[in-house]
Amino acid sequence: MDPIAAKMEPDRKILYRTVGDAKLRLHIFLPPGFKASDKRSCLFAIHGGGWTGMNSRYFYPFAHHFAQKGMVGISIDYRLANKQRGVSVFDCVKDVRSALRYVKTHAAELGIDPDKIAVCGGSAGGHLASATSLFDKVNHPGDDLKISPKAAAMILYYPVIDTSERGYGQRKIGARWKELSPVDNVKKGLPPTLIFHGTGDVVTPFEGAALFVKRSRALGNEVRMIAHEGGVHGYFIFDLKLFENAMRQTEAFLREQGVME
């Protein structure tokens, strides 16, 4: 996907927050025929990279794909975790929750329906996508907490979902890892969720995703898993046909949920 992403450019870039010397932007892809007065559904896309690498361009293909299907596609910046700079995974979570609040607050001027925002992410981005609904106590001090960052649907691609020693991220997060472990913080009332995961994933083990599904369903949440037999971490980003198939499956889910027309 990297060569494809390298050739893409968003229609707009909007600054949503400045933290220190970090200027965080929304990279926006507009659908054909878009008008400022529109009220479109939106795909809010979060890149992976173990919280410490990659950038918003990595998820341009996702935002672009859904823009071509009539949605507003947004790939977001967030600060990367860096101990030397004093940036933690908690800060990554704060940025993403703040970004979604910004989109909801400015939905009218962005041409977006605030009730039809689907959040997606891959790997650590999948973790951050789930964070928009799970980690209610992790927020920027200046955020308006009356505005919920909860999306209408979550699409988690091979997500970091268990941050224990059995999963991924415990050392990066530190002693408070359990506070940011999706599988350990499942609750009622989560958005309808679709998870893509390879059974051969040894980076973010499949077992963690399966346990998240089990615990979430037990609480009455709607969550589905598409398991790719033998798939390694990020399996569909290495094969264009698998990527296109994953996008079709995502489209079908979003249409079923009424998020995508």
C-alpha atoms as a PDB file:
ATOM      1  CA  MET A   1       0.000   0.000   0.000  1.00  0.00           C
ATOM      2  CA  ASP A   2       2.917   2.395   0.564  1.00  0.00           C
ATOM      3  CA  PRO A   3       3.555   3.137  -3.156  1.00  0.00           C
ATOM      4  CA  ILE A   4      -0.154   3.842  -3.604  1.00  0.00           C
ATOM      5  CA  ALA A   5      -0.291   6.125  -0.564  1.00  0.00           C
ATOM      6  CA  ALA A   6       2.799   8.007  -1.752  1.00  0.00           C
ATOM      7  CA  LYS A   7       0.891   9.250  -4.826  1.00  0.00           C
ATOM      8  CA  MET A   8      -2.159  10.466  -2.915  1.00  0.00           C
ATOM      9  CA  GLU A   9      -2.829  13.956  -1.616  1.00  0.00           C
ATOM     10  CA  PRO A  10      -5.809  15.066   0.476  1.00  0.00           C
ATOM     11  CA  ASP A  11      -8.158  17.819  -0.651  1.00  0.00           C
ATOM     12  CA  ARG A  12      -7.765  19.720   2.616  1.00  0.00           C
ATOM     13  CA  LYS A  13      -5.594  19.775   5.720  1.00  0.00           C
ATOM     14  CA  ILE A  14      -7.043  21.318   8.862  1.00  0.00           C
ATOM     15  CA  LEU A  15      -5.237  21.984  12.131  1.00  0.00           C
ATOM     16  CA  TYR A  16      -7.273  20.517  14.990  1.00  0.00           C
ATOM     17  CA  ARG A  17      -4.857  20.939  17.900  1.00  0.00           C
ATOM     18  CA  THR A  18      -1.430  22.300  18.759  1.00  0.00           C
ATOM     19  CA  VAL A  19       0.403  20.614  21.637  1.00  0.00           C
ATOM     20  CA  GLY A  20       3.776  22.180  22.347  1.00  0.00           C
ATOM     21  CA  ASP A  21       5.563  22.200  18.991  1.00  0.00           C
ATOM     22  CA  ALA A  22       3.295  19.493  17.544  1.00  0.00           C
ATOM     23  CA  LYS A  23       0.748  20.724  15.012  1.00  0.00           C
ATOM     24  CA  LEU A  24      -1.865  18.012  14.552  1.00  0.00           C
ATOM     25  CA  ARG A  25      -3.963  17.985  11.411  1.00  0.00           C
ATOM     26  CA  LEU A  26      -6.898  16.269   9.768  1.00  0.00           C
ATOM     27  CA  HIS A  27      -6.062  15.104   6.231  1.00  0.00           C
ATOM     28  CA  ILE A  28      -9.383  15.240   4.424  1.00  0.00           C
ATOM     29  CA  PHE A  29     -10.444  13.462   1.224  1.00  0.00           C
ATOM     30  CA  LEU A  30     -13.696  14.738  -0.266  1.00  0.00           C
ATOM     31  CA  PRO A  31     -16.155  12.650  -2.289  1.00  0.00           C
ATOM     32  CA  PRO A  32     -17.050  13.438  -5.926  1.00  0.00           C
ATOM     33  CA  GLY A  33     -19.647  16.184  -6.167  1.00  0.00           C
ATOM     34  CA  PHE A  34     -19.092  17.302  -2.585  1.00  0.00           C
ATOM     35  CA  LYS A  35     -20.635  20.626  -1.519  1.00  0.00           C
ATOM     36  CA  ALA A  36     -19.925  22.555   1.670  1.00  0.00           C
ATOM     37  CA  SER A  37     -23.610  22.307   2.560  1.00  0.00           C
ATOM     38  CA  ASP A  38     -23.525  18.489   2.451  1.00  0.00           C
ATOM     39  CA  LYS A  39     -24.121  16.268   5.449  1.00  0.00           C
ATOM     40  CA  ARG A  40     -22.054  13.228   4.498  1.00  0.00           C
ATOM     41  CA  SER A  41     -21.123  10.172   6.476  1.00  0.00           C
ATOM     42  CA  CYS A  42     -17.445  10.073   7.454  1.00  0.00           C
ATOM     43  CA  LEU A  43     -14.624   7.556   7.755  1.00  0.00           C
ATOM     44  CA  PHE A  44     -12.189   8.607  10.485  1.00  0.00           C
ATOM     45  CA  ALA A  45      -8.967   6.660   9.861  1.00  0.00           C
ATOM     46  CA  ILE A  46      -6.060   6.118  12.272  1.00  0.00           C
ATOM     47  CA  HIS A  47      -2.675   4.820  11.164  1.00  0.00           C
ATOM     48  CA  GLY A  48      -0.648   2.211  12.999  1.00  0.00           C
ATOM     49  CA  GLY A  49       3.063   1.924  13.703  1.00  0.00           C
ATOM     50  CA  GLY A  50       3.221   0.705  17.287  1.00  0.00           C
ATOM     51  CA  TRP A  51       2.280   4.223  18.533  1.00  0.00           C
ATOM     52  CA  THR A  52       5.870   5.257  17.763  1.00  0.00           C
ATOM     53  CA  GLY A  53       6.107   5.297  13.972  1.00  0.00           C
ATOM     54  CA  MET A  54       4.352   5.897  10.643  1.00  0.00           C
ATOM     55  CA  ASN A  55       2.148   8.916   9.930  1.00  0.00           C
ATOM     56  CA  SER A  56      -1.222   9.904   8.524  1.00  0.00           C
ATOM     57  CA  ARG A  57      -0.156   9.187   4.916  1.00  0.00           C
ATOM     58  CA  TYR A  58      -0.023   5.495   5.786  1.00  0.00           C
ATOM     59  CA  PHE A  59      -3.834   5.482   5.975  1.00  0.00           C
ATOM     60  CA  TYR A  60      -4.529   7.721   2.986  1.00  0.00           C
ATOM     61  CA  PRO A  61      -5.683   4.704   0.898  1.00  0.00           C
ATOM     62  CA  PHE A  62      -8.446   3.986   3.418  1.00  0.00           C
ATOM     63  CA  ALA A  63      -9.651   7.594   3.560  1.00  0.00           C
ATOM     64  CA  HIS A  64      -9.426   7.916  -0.233  1.00  0.00           C
ATOM     65  CA  HIS A  65     -11.283   4.662  -0.870  1.00  0.00           C
ATOM     66  CA  PHE A  66     -14.288   5.659   1.191  1.00  0.00           C
ATOM     67  CA  ALA A  67     -14.279   9.199  -0.208  1.00  0.00           C
ATOM     68  CA  GLN A  68     -14.744   7.609  -3.626  1.00  0.00           C
ATOM     69  CA  LYS A  69     -17.758   5.796  -2.175  1.00  0.00           C
ATOM     70  CA  GLY A  70     -19.411   9.048  -1.111  1.00  0.00           C
ATOM     71  CA  MET A  71     -18.086   9.555   2.418  1.00  0.00           C
ATOM     72  CA  VAL A  72     -15.732  12.228   3.729  1.00  0.00           C
ATOM     73  CA  GLY A  73     -12.488  10.365   4.429  1.00  0.00           C
ATOM     74  CA  ILE A  74     -10.178  11.702   7.132  1.00  0.00           C
ATOM     75  CA  SER A  75      -6.740  10.376   8.041  1.00  0.00           C
ATOM     76  CA  ILE A  76      -5.487  11.969  11.239  1.00  0.00           C
ATOM     77  CA  ASP A  77      -2.250  13.067  12.847  1.00  0.00           C
ATOM     78  CA  TYR A  78      -1.498  12.229  16.456  1.00  0.00           C
ATOM     79  CA  ARG A  79       1.672  12.616  18.490  1.00  0.00           C
ATOM     80  CA  LEU A  80       3.917   9.578  18.402  1.00  0.00           C
ATOM     81  CA  ALA A  81       4.947   8.083  21.730  1.00  0.00           C
ATOM     82  CA  ASN A  82       8.498   9.068  22.592  1.00  0.00           C
ATOM     83  CA  LYS A  83       9.962   8.844  26.108  1.00  0.00           C
ATOM     84  CA  GLN A  84      12.697  11.396  25.374  1.00  0.00           C
ATOM     85  CA  ARG A  85      10.056  13.941  24.375  1.00  0.00           C
ATOM     86  CA  GLY A  86       7.754  13.013  27.231  1.00  0.00           C
ATOM     87  CA  VAL A  87       5.006  11.690  24.952  1.00  0.00           C
ATOM     88  CA  SER A  88       3.255   8.506  26.116  1.00  0.00           C
ATOM     89  CA  VAL A  89       0.662   6.172  24.640  1.00  0.00           C
ATOM     90  CA  PHE A  90      -1.821   7.968  26.910  1.00  0.00           C
ATOM     91  CA  ASP A  91      -1.060  11.113  24.876  1.00  0.00           C
ATOM     92  CA  CYS A  92      -1.764   9.235  21.640  1.00  0.00           C
ATOM     93  CA  VAL A  93      -5.180   8.306  23.066  1.00  0.00           C
ATOM     94  CA  LYS A  94      -5.837  11.894  24.149  1.00  0.00           C
ATOM     95  CA  ASP A  95      -5.033  13.226  20.671  1.00  0.00           C
ATOM     96  CA  VAL A  96      -7.296  10.777  18.860  1.00  0.00           C
ATOM     97  CA  ARG A  97     -10.234  11.391  21.198  1.00  0.00           C
ATOM     98  CA  SER A  98      -9.673  15.135  20.802  1.00  0.00           C
ATOM     99  CA  ALA A  99      -9.579  14.839  17.002  1.00  0.00           C
ATOM    100  CA  LEU A 100     -12.919  13.051  16.875  1.00  0.00           C
ATOM    101  CA  ARG A 101     -14.433  15.642  19.178  1.00  0.00           C
ATOM    102  CA  TYR A 102     -13.166  18.348  16.817  1.00  0.00           C
ATOM    103  CA  VAL A 103     -14.805  16.654  13.827  1.00  0.00           C
ATOM    104  CA  LYS A 104     -18.108  16.390  15.666  1.00  0.00           C
ATOM    105  CA  THR A 105     -17.942  20.007  16.855  1.00  0.00           C
ATOM    106  CA  HIS A 106     -17.149  21.283  13.341  1.00  0.00           C
ATOM    107  CA  ALA A 107     -19.301  18.758  11.472  1.00  0.00           C
ATOM    108  CA  ALA A 108     -21.507  21.393   9.811  1.00  0.00           C
ATOM    109  CA  GLU A 109     -18.590  23.289   8.279  1.00  0.00           C
ATOM    110  CA  LEU A 110     -16.899  20.018   7.272  1.00  0.00           C
ATOM    111  CA  GLY A 111     -20.031  18.771   5.491  1.00  0.00           C
ATOM    112  CA  ILE A 112     -20.300  15.771   7.837  1.00  0.00           C
ATOM    113  CA  ASP A 113     -23.186  14.142   9.659  1.00  0.00           C
ATOM    114  CA  PRO A 114     -21.881  13.850  13.253  1.00  0.00           C
ATOM    115  CA  ASP A 115     -24.122  10.835  13.838  1.00  0.00           C
ATOM    116  CA  LYS A 116     -22.607   8.909  10.920  1.00  0.00           C
ATOM    117  CA  ILE A 117     -18.914   8.783  11.718  1.00  0.00           C
ATOM    118  CA  ALA A 118     -17.183   5.407  11.505  1.00  0.00           C
ATOM    119  CA  VAL A 119     -13.745   5.105  13.070  1.00  0.00           C
ATOM    120  CA  CYS A 120     -11.174   2.654  11.747  1.00  0.00           C
ATOM    121  CA  GLY A 121      -7.551   1.889  12.426  1.00  0.00           C
ATOM    122  CA  GLY A 122      -4.855  -0.701  11.841  1.00  0.00           C
ATOM    123  CA  SER A 123      -2.652  -2.303  14.493  1.00  0.00           C
ATOM    124  CA  ALA A 124      -1.884   0.437  17.065  1.00  0.00           C
ATOM    125  CA  GLY A 125      -4.328   2.553  15.064  1.00  0.00           C
ATOM    126  CA  GLY A 126      -6.941  -0.108  15.739  1.00  0.00           C
ATOM    127  CA  HIS A 127      -6.161   0.262  19.429  1.00  0.00           C
ATOM    128  CA  LEU A 128      -6.647   4.022  19.159  1.00  0.00           C
ATOM    129  CA  ALA A 129      -9.876   3.535  17.211  1.00  0.00           C
ATOM    130  CA  SER A 130     -11.242   1.441  20.075  1.00  0.00           C
ATOM    131  CA  ALA A 131      -9.956   4.104  22.514  1.00  0.00           C
ATOM    132  CA  THR A 132     -12.523   6.569  21.180  1.00  0.00           C
ATOM    133  CA  SER A 133     -15.222   4.493  22.899  1.00  0.00           C
ATOM    134  CA  LEU A 134     -13.370   2.721  25.697  1.00  0.00           C
ATOM    135  CA  PHE A 135     -11.096   5.037  27.645  1.00  0.00           C
ATOM    136  CA  ASP A 136     -13.409   7.749  28.938  1.00  0.00           C
ATOM    137  CA  LYS A 137     -10.994   8.974  31.625  1.00  0.00           C
ATOM    138  CA  VAL A 138      -8.172   9.744  29.174  1.00  0.00           C
ATOM    139  CA  ASN A 139      -8.744  13.237  27.764  1.00  0.00           C
ATOM    140  CA  HIS A 140      -6.951  16.490  27.007  1.00  0.00           C
ATOM    141  CA  PRO A 141      -7.570  18.970  29.862  1.00  0.00           C
ATOM    142  CA  GLY A 142      -9.047  21.485  27.432  1.00  0.00           C
ATOM    143  CA  ASP A 143     -11.521  19.133  25.767  1.00  0.00           C
ATOM    144  CA  ASP A 144     -15.257  19.625  26.150  1.00  0.00           C
ATOM    145  CA  LEU A 145     -16.199  16.366  27.857  1.00  0.00           C
ATOM    146  CA  LYS A 146     -19.852  16.921  27.007  1.00  0.00           C
ATOM    147  CA  ILE A 147     -18.956  15.952  23.440  1.00  0.00           C
ATOM    148  CA  SER A 148     -18.556  12.194  23.224  1.00  0.00           C
ATOM    149  CA  PRO A 149     -15.787  10.871  20.942  1.00  0.00           C
ATOM    150  CA  LYS A 150     -17.780   7.661  20.517  1.00  0.00           C
ATOM    151  CA  ALA A 151     -18.315   6.798  16.846  1.00  0.00           C
ATOM    152  CA  ALA A 152     -21.335   5.207  15.167  1.00  0.00           C
ATOM    153  CA  ALA A 153     -19.257   2.156  14.199  1.00  0.00           C
ATOM    154  CA  MET A 154     -15.742   0.794  14.757  1.00  0.00           C
ATOM    155  CA  ILE A 155     -13.646  -1.088  12.212  1.00  0.00           C
ATOM    156  CA  LEU A 156     -10.557  -2.613  13.796  1.00  0.00           C
ATOM    157  CA  TYR A 157      -7.941  -3.971  11.399  1.00  0.00           C
ATOM    158  CA  TYR A 158      -5.533  -6.457  13.070  1.00  0.00           C
ATOM    159  CA  PRO A 159      -5.711  -4.271  16.217  1.00  0.00           C
ATOM    160  CA  VAL A 160      -3.561  -4.060  19.300  1.00  0.00           C
ATOM    161  CA  ILE A 161      -6.317  -5.242  21.598  1.00  0.00           C
ATOM    162  CA  ASP A 162      -4.535  -6.958  24.493  1.00  0.00           C
ATOM    163  CA  THR A 163      -1.680  -4.939  25.991  1.00  0.00           C
ATOM    164  CA  SER A 164      -0.673  -7.601  28.530  1.00  0.00           C
ATOM    165  CA  GLU A 165       2.514  -9.639  28.206  1.00  0.00           C
ATOM    166  CA  ARG A 166       0.491 -12.100  26.102  1.00  0.00           C
ATOM    167  CA  GLY A 167      -0.311  -9.390  23.595  1.00  0.00           C
ATOM    168  CA  TYR A 168       1.473  -6.220  22.511  1.00  0.00           C
ATOM    169  CA  GLY A 169       2.447  -2.936  24.090  1.00  0.00           C
ATOM    170  CA  GLN A 170       2.986  -3.596  27.789  1.00  0.00           C
ATOM    171  CA  ARG A 171       6.562  -2.294  27.793  1.00  0.00           C
ATOM    172  CA  LYS A 172       5.698   0.733  25.668  1.00  0.00           C
ATOM    173  CA  ILE A 173       2.797   1.752  27.894  1.00  0.00           C
ATOM    174  CA  GLY A 174       4.455   0.943  31.198  1.00  0.00           C
ATOM    175  CA  ALA A 175       3.040   0.094  34.618  1.00  0.00           C
ATOM    176  CA  ARG A 176      -0.427   1.439  33.767  1.00  0.00           C
ATOM    177  CA  TRP A 177      -0.777  -0.831  30.716  1.00  0.00           C
ATOM    178  CA  LYS A 178      -4.048  -2.367  31.899  1.00  0.00           C
ATOM    179  CA  GLU A 179      -5.788   1.021  31.772  1.00  0.00           C
ATOM    180  CA  LEU A 180      -5.204   1.020  28.000  1.00  0.00           C
ATOM    181  CA  SER A 181      -5.928  -2.631  27.278  1.00  0.00           C
ATOM    182  CA  PRO A 182      -9.159  -2.904  25.239  1.00  0.00           C
ATOM    183  CA  VAL A 183      -9.753  -6.540  26.174  1.00  0.00           C
ATOM    184  CA  ASP A 184      -9.536  -5.591  29.864  1.00  0.00           C
ATOM    185  CA  ASN A 185     -11.878  -2.611  29.564  1.00  0.00           C
ATOM    186  CA  VAL A 186     -14.809  -3.983  27.585  1.00  0.00           C
ATOM    187  CA  LYS A 187     -18.123  -2.415  28.573  1.00  0.00           C
ATOM    188  CA  LYS A 188     -21.735  -2.246  27.504  1.00  0.00           C
ATOM    189  CA  GLY A 189     -22.863   0.171  24.846  1.00  0.00           C
ATOM    190  CA  LEU A 190     -19.952  -0.049  22.429  1.00  0.00           C
ATOM    191  CA  PRO A 191     -20.632   0.876  18.796  1.00  0.00           C
ATOM    192  CA  PRO A 192     -21.231  -1.983  16.335  1.00  0.00           C
ATOM    193  CA  THR A 193     -17.755  -3.351  15.687  1.00  0.00           C
ATOM    194  CA  LEU A 194     -16.095  -5.295  12.875  1.00  0.00           C
ATOM    195  CA  ILE A 195     -12.662  -6.829  13.454  1.00  0.00           C
ATOM    196  CA  PHE A 196     -10.300  -8.163  10.785  1.00  0.00           C
ATOM    197  CA  HIS A 197      -7.542 -10.394  12.141  1.00  0.00           C
ATOM    198  CA  GLY A 198      -5.168 -13.034  10.826  1.00  0.00           C
ATOM    199  CA  THR A 199      -5.032 -16.305  12.722  1.00  0.00           C
ATOM    200  CA  GLY A 200      -1.265 -16.407  12.154  1.00  0.00           C
ATOM    201  CA  ASP A 201      -0.634 -12.962  13.641  1.00  0.00           C
ATOM    202  CA  VAL A 202       2.199 -13.175  16.182  1.00  0.00           C
ATOM    203  CA  VAL A 203       2.553  -9.395  16.653  1.00  0.00           C
ATOM    204  CA  THR A 204      -0.946  -8.769  17.979  1.00  0.00           C
ATOM    205  CA  PRO A 205      -1.999 -12.367  18.645  1.00  0.00           C
ATOM    206  CA  PHE A 206      -5.354 -13.550  17.327  1.00  0.00           C
ATOM    207  CA  GLU A 207      -6.287 -14.926  20.759  1.00  0.00           C
ATOM    208  CA  GLY A 208      -6.593 -11.415  22.164  1.00  0.00           C
ATOM    209  CA  ALA A 209      -9.044 -10.381  19.462  1.00  0.00           C
ATOM    210  CA  ALA A 210     -11.075 -13.561  19.998  1.00  0.00           C
ATOM    211  CA  LEU A 211     -11.271 -12.844  23.736  1.00  0.00           C
ATOM    212  CA  PHE A 212     -12.376  -9.253  23.048  1.00  0.00           C
ATOM    213  CA  VAL A 213     -15.184 -10.585  20.851  1.00  0.00           C
ATOM    214  CA  LYS A 214     -16.256 -13.081  23.514  1.00  0.00           C
ATOM    215  CA  ARG A 215     -16.291 -10.530  26.346  1.00  0.00           C
ATOM    216  CA  SER A 216     -17.977  -7.876  24.236  1.00  0.00           C
ATOM    217  CA  ARG A 217     -20.761 -10.165  23.063  1.00  0.00           C
ATOM    218  CA  ALA A 218     -21.343 -11.323  26.628  1.00  0.00           C
ATOM    219  CA  LEU A 219     -22.221  -7.719  27.474  1.00  0.00           C
ATOM    220  CA  GLY A 220     -24.659  -7.455  24.588  1.00  0.00           C
ATOM    221  CA  ASN A 221     -22.483  -5.536  22.142  1.00  0.00           C
ATOM    222  CA  GLU A 222     -22.620  -6.249  18.418  1.00  0.00           C
ATOM    223  CA  VAL A 223     -19.167  -7.350  17.329  1.00  0.00           C
ATOM    224  CA  ARG A 224     -18.104  -9.480  14.381  1.00  0.00           C
ATOM    225  CA  MET A 225     -14.812 -11.046  13.463  1.00  0.00           C
ATOM    226  CA  ILE A 226     -13.469 -11.750   9.995  1.00  0.00           C
ATOM    227  CA  ALA A 227     -10.648 -14.219  10.592  1.00  0.00           C
ATOM    228  CA  HIS A 228      -8.154 -14.730   7.782  1.00  0.00           C
ATOM    229  CA  GLU A 229      -6.729 -18.226   8.117  1.00  0.00           C
ATOM    230  CA  GLY A 230      -2.958 -18.098   8.512  1.00  0.00           C
ATOM    231  CA  GLY A 231      -2.886 -14.337   7.994  1.00  0.00           C
ATOM    232  CA  VAL A 232       0.121 -12.521   9.419  1.00  0.00           C
ATOM    233  CA  HIS A 233       0.028  -9.080  11.011  1.00  0.00           C
ATOM    234  CA  GLY A 234      -1.337  -6.575   8.514  1.00  0.00           C
ATOM    235  CA  TYR A 235      -2.018  -9.391   6.043  1.00  0.00           C
ATOM    236  CA  PHE A 236      -4.193  -7.458   3.578  1.00  0.00           C
ATOM    237  CA  ILE A 237      -1.920  -4.425   3.160  1.00  0.00           C
ATOM    238  CA  PHE A 238       0.574  -6.645   1.337  1.00  0.00           C
ATOM    239  CA  ASP A 239      -1.907  -7.856  -1.285  1.00  0.00           C
ATOM    240  CA  LEU A 240      -4.089  -5.478  -3.317  1.00  0.00           C
ATOM    241  CA  LYS A 241      -6.795  -8.107  -3.884  1.00  0.00           C
ATOM    242  CA  LEU A 242      -7.028  -8.818  -0.164  1.00  0.00           C
ATOM    243  CA  PHE A 243      -7.143  -5.076   0.523  1.00  0.00           C
ATOM    244  CA  GLU A 244      -9.979  -4.553  -1.951  1.00  0.00           C
ATOM    245  CA  ASN A 245     -11.871  -7.483  -0.460  1.00  0.00           C
ATOM    246  CA  ALA A 246     -11.459  -6.065   3.056  1.00  0.00           C
ATOM    247  CA  MET A 247     -12.767  -2.719   1.832  1.00  0.00           C
ATOM    248  CA  ARG A 248     -15.832  -4.390   0.283  1.00  0.00           C
ATOM    249  CA  GLN A 249     -16.520  -6.212   3.541  1.00  0.00           C
ATOM    250  CA  THR A 250     -16.125  -2.947   5.439  1.00  0.00           C
ATOM    251  CA  GLU A 251     -18.516  -1.198   3.055  1.00  0.00           C
ATOM    252  CA  ALA A 252     -21.136  -3.918   3.513  1.00  0.00           C
ATOM    253  CA  PHE A 253     -20.910  -3.615   7.293  1.00  0.00           C
ATOM    254  CA  LEU A 254     -21.187   0.172   7.258  1.00  0.00           C
ATOM    255  CA  ARG A 255     -24.190   0.056   4.944  1.00  0.00           C
ATOM    256  CA  GLU A 256     -25.855  -2.518   7.165  1.00  0.00           C
ATOM    257  CA  GLN A 257     -25.323  -0.238  10.167  1.00  0.00           C
ATOM    258  CA  GLY A 258     -26.774   2.730   8.306  1.00  0.00           C
ATOM    259  CA  VAL A 259     -23.503   4.643   8.519  1.00  0.00           C
ATOM    260  CA  MET A 260     -22.727   4.478   4.792  1.00  0.00           C
ATOM    261  CA  GLU A 261     -25.359   5.110   2.158  1.00  0.00           C
END
